[in-house]
């Protein structure tokens, strides 16, 4: 499986459409989930990443995306 297809499934945000305060809380929850996923990928060794068809550069790209604050999306 190509790494692009694999990371595509690791969508870091469901992009909630709610507005106002509820929307802010939902985006914040998405951001927290993305950060947790990014940290889990970062802790994996190269062999484990290879098993799921990812490279260290894929992990860095995912982590860069997860670092963005929810209000900057």
N, C-alpha and C. Protein backbone atom coordinates (compact mmCIF):
# COMPACT_ATOMS: atom_id res chain seq x y z
N UNK A 1 0.85 -1.17 0.00
CA UNK A 1 0.00 0.00 0.00
C UNK A 1 0.90 1.24 0.00
N UNK A 2 0.68 2.17 -0.93
CA UNK A 2 1.49 3.37 -0.97
C UNK A 2 1.32 4.20 0.30
N UNK A 3 2.39 4.88 0.67
CA UNK A 3 2.36 5.69 1.90
C UNK A 3 1.30 6.77 1.80
N UNK A 4 1.10 7.35 0.63
CA UNK A 4 0.09 8.41 0.49
C UNK A 4 -1.30 7.91 0.84
N UNK A 5 -1.63 6.71 0.37
CA UNK A 5 -2.94 6.13 0.68
C UNK A 5 -3.05 5.82 2.16
N UNK A 6 -1.95 5.38 2.75
CA UNK A 6 -1.97 5.05 4.17
C UNK A 6 -2.18 6.30 5.01
N UNK A 7 -1.42 7.35 4.72
CA UNK A 7 -1.55 8.58 5.52
C UNK A 7 -2.86 9.28 5.23
N UNK A 8 -3.44 9.05 4.07
CA UNK A 8 -4.74 9.62 3.76
C UNK A 8 -5.79 9.08 4.74
N UNK A 9 -5.63 7.82 5.14
CA UNK A 9 -6.54 7.23 6.10
C UNK A 9 -6.31 7.74 7.52
N UNK A 10 -5.20 8.41 7.74
CA UNK A 10 -4.89 8.97 9.05
C UNK A 10 -5.37 10.41 9.14
N UNK A 11 -6.47 10.67 8.52
CA UNK A 11 -7.01 12.03 8.50
C UNK A 11 -7.01 12.59 9.92
N UNK A 12 -6.36 13.71 10.07
CA UNK A 12 -6.16 14.25 11.40
C UNK A 12 -7.31 15.11 11.89
N UNK A 13 -8.26 15.31 11.06
CA UNK A 13 -9.39 16.12 11.50
C UNK A 13 -10.63 15.71 10.72
N UNK A 14 -11.73 15.66 11.40
CA UNK A 14 -12.98 15.37 10.71
C UNK A 14 -13.65 16.66 10.25
N UNK A 15 -13.02 17.79 10.50
CA UNK A 15 -13.51 19.10 10.07
C UNK A 15 -14.98 19.29 10.43
N UNK A 16 -15.24 19.34 11.70
CA UNK A 16 -16.61 19.56 12.15
C UNK A 16 -17.14 20.88 11.60
N UNK A 17 -18.40 20.91 11.27
CA UNK A 17 -19.01 22.06 10.63
C UNK A 17 -19.73 22.95 11.64
N UNK A 18 -19.92 22.51 12.86
CA UNK A 18 -20.65 23.31 13.85
C UNK A 18 -19.99 24.67 14.02
N UNK A 19 -20.80 25.66 14.32
CA UNK A 19 -20.32 27.02 14.46
C UNK A 19 -20.35 27.46 15.92
N UNK A 20 -19.72 28.57 16.17
CA UNK A 20 -19.75 29.14 17.50
C UNK A 20 -18.89 28.36 18.48
N UNK A 21 -19.29 28.44 19.72
CA UNK A 21 -18.53 27.81 20.79
C UNK A 21 -18.49 26.28 20.64
N UNK A 22 -19.59 25.68 20.23
CA UNK A 22 -19.63 24.22 20.03
C UNK A 22 -18.64 23.82 18.94
N UNK A 23 -18.58 24.59 17.87
CA UNK A 23 -17.63 24.30 16.80
C UNK A 23 -16.19 24.41 17.26
N UNK A 24 -15.92 25.41 18.09
CA UNK A 24 -14.57 25.57 18.63
C UNK A 24 -14.18 24.38 19.49
N UNK A 25 -15.09 23.93 20.34
CA UNK A 25 -14.80 22.75 21.18
C UNK A 25 -14.59 21.50 20.33
N UNK A 26 -15.38 21.34 19.28
CA UNK A 26 -15.22 20.17 18.41
C UNK A 26 -13.89 20.21 17.66
N UNK A 27 -13.49 21.38 17.18
CA UNK A 27 -12.19 21.50 16.51
C UNK A 27 -11.05 21.25 17.49
N UNK A 28 -11.21 21.72 18.72
CA UNK A 28 -10.19 21.49 19.74
C UNK A 28 -10.07 20.01 20.05
N UNK A 29 -11.21 19.32 20.12
CA UNK A 29 -11.19 17.88 20.35
C UNK A 29 -10.50 17.15 19.20
N UNK A 30 -10.76 17.56 17.96
CA UNK A 30 -10.09 16.98 16.80
C UNK A 30 -8.58 17.20 16.89
N UNK A 31 -8.18 18.40 17.30
CA UNK A 31 -6.76 18.73 17.42
C UNK A 31 -6.08 17.86 18.47
N UNK A 32 -6.74 17.66 19.61
CA UNK A 32 -6.17 16.81 20.65
C UNK A 32 -6.00 15.37 20.15
N UNK A 33 -6.97 14.88 19.43
CA UNK A 33 -6.89 13.54 18.86
C UNK A 33 -5.75 13.44 17.86
N UNK A 34 -5.62 14.45 17.02
CA UNK A 34 -4.53 14.47 16.04
C UNK A 34 -3.17 14.48 16.72
N UNK A 35 -3.02 15.26 17.78
CA UNK A 35 -1.75 15.32 18.51
C UNK A 35 -1.42 13.97 19.12
N UNK A 36 -2.42 13.29 19.68
CA UNK A 36 -2.18 11.97 20.28
C UNK A 36 -1.75 10.97 19.20
N UNK A 37 -2.39 11.00 18.05
CA UNK A 37 -2.02 10.11 16.95
C UNK A 37 -0.62 10.41 16.46
N UNK A 38 -0.30 11.67 16.33
CA UNK A 38 1.03 12.06 15.86
C UNK A 38 2.10 11.61 16.84
N UNK A 39 1.85 11.77 18.12
CA UNK A 39 2.83 11.33 19.13
C UNK A 39 3.02 9.82 19.08
N UNK A 40 1.93 9.08 18.88
CA UNK A 40 2.03 7.61 18.80
C UNK A 40 2.87 7.20 17.59
N UNK A 41 2.67 7.84 16.46
CA UNK A 41 3.47 7.53 15.27
C UNK A 41 4.93 7.89 15.50
N UNK A 42 5.18 9.01 16.14
CA UNK A 42 6.56 9.46 16.36
C UNK A 42 7.33 8.48 17.26
N UNK A 43 6.64 7.83 18.19
CA UNK A 43 7.30 6.89 19.10
C UNK A 43 7.61 5.55 18.45
N UNK A 44 7.02 5.26 17.29
CA UNK A 44 7.24 3.98 16.62
C UNK A 44 8.64 3.93 16.01
N UNK A 45 9.26 2.75 16.05
CA UNK A 45 10.57 2.61 15.40
C UNK A 45 10.36 2.39 13.89
N UNK A 46 11.48 2.45 13.15
CA UNK A 46 11.40 2.35 11.70
C UNK A 46 10.80 1.04 11.22
N UNK A 47 11.08 -0.06 11.91
CA UNK A 47 10.52 -1.36 11.52
C UNK A 47 8.99 -1.37 11.66
N UNK A 48 8.50 -0.81 12.74
CA UNK A 48 7.04 -0.75 12.94
C UNK A 48 6.39 0.16 11.91
N UNK A 49 7.04 1.27 11.59
CA UNK A 49 6.51 2.16 10.55
C UNK A 49 6.49 1.45 9.20
N UNK A 50 7.54 0.70 8.91
CA UNK A 50 7.60 -0.05 7.66
C UNK A 50 6.44 -1.05 7.58
N UNK A 51 6.10 -1.66 8.70
CA UNK A 51 4.99 -2.63 8.74
C UNK A 51 3.67 -2.00 8.34
N UNK A 52 3.50 -0.72 8.60
CA UNK A 52 2.24 -0.05 8.23
C UNK A 52 2.45 0.87 7.02
N UNK A 53 3.53 0.63 6.27
CA UNK A 53 3.83 1.33 5.01
C UNK A 53 4.00 2.83 5.20
N UNK A 54 4.68 3.22 6.26
CA UNK A 54 5.01 4.62 6.48
C UNK A 54 6.51 4.77 6.61
N UNK A 55 6.98 5.96 6.32
CA UNK A 55 8.39 6.27 6.51
C UNK A 55 8.49 7.36 7.57
N UNK A 56 9.70 7.63 8.00
CA UNK A 56 9.91 8.68 9.01
C UNK A 56 9.46 10.05 8.45
N UNK A 57 9.65 10.29 7.14
CA UNK A 57 9.21 11.56 6.56
C UNK A 57 7.68 11.67 6.56
N UNK A 58 6.97 10.55 6.39
CA UNK A 58 5.50 10.57 6.50
C UNK A 58 5.10 11.00 7.91
N UNK A 59 5.79 10.47 8.90
CA UNK A 59 5.48 10.80 10.28
C UNK A 59 5.74 12.29 10.53
N UNK A 60 6.83 12.82 9.99
CA UNK A 60 7.12 14.24 10.17
C UNK A 60 6.03 15.10 9.53
N UNK A 61 5.53 14.69 8.37
CA UNK A 61 4.45 15.44 7.71
C UNK A 61 3.18 15.41 8.55
N UNK A 62 2.86 14.24 9.09
CA UNK A 62 1.68 14.12 9.95
C UNK A 62 1.84 14.99 11.20
N UNK A 63 3.03 14.96 11.78
CA UNK A 63 3.29 15.77 12.97
C UNK A 63 3.21 17.25 12.67
N UNK A 64 3.70 17.69 11.50
CA UNK A 64 3.59 19.10 11.14
C UNK A 64 2.14 19.53 11.03
N UNK A 65 1.32 18.67 10.46
CA UNK A 65 -0.11 18.97 10.34
C UNK A 65 -0.76 19.04 11.71
N UNK A 66 -0.40 18.13 12.60
CA UNK A 66 -1.01 18.07 13.92
C UNK A 66 -0.58 19.22 14.82
N UNK A 67 0.56 19.84 14.51
CA UNK A 67 1.04 20.95 15.34
C UNK A 67 0.24 22.22 15.14
N UNK A 68 -0.47 22.33 14.02
CA UNK A 68 -1.24 23.54 13.74
C UNK A 68 -2.35 23.69 14.78
N UNK A 69 -2.47 24.88 15.28
CA UNK A 69 -3.53 25.14 16.27
C UNK A 69 -4.89 25.05 15.59
N UNK A 70 -5.90 24.60 16.30
CA UNK A 70 -7.22 24.39 15.69
C UNK A 70 -7.83 25.66 15.13
N UNK A 71 -7.48 26.82 15.63
CA UNK A 71 -8.06 28.06 15.14
C UNK A 71 -7.33 28.57 13.90
N UNK A 72 -6.26 27.88 13.45
CA UNK A 72 -5.53 28.30 12.27
C UNK A 72 -5.83 27.44 11.06
N UNK A 73 -6.79 26.56 11.14
CA UNK A 73 -7.13 25.68 10.00
C UNK A 73 -7.99 26.38 9.02
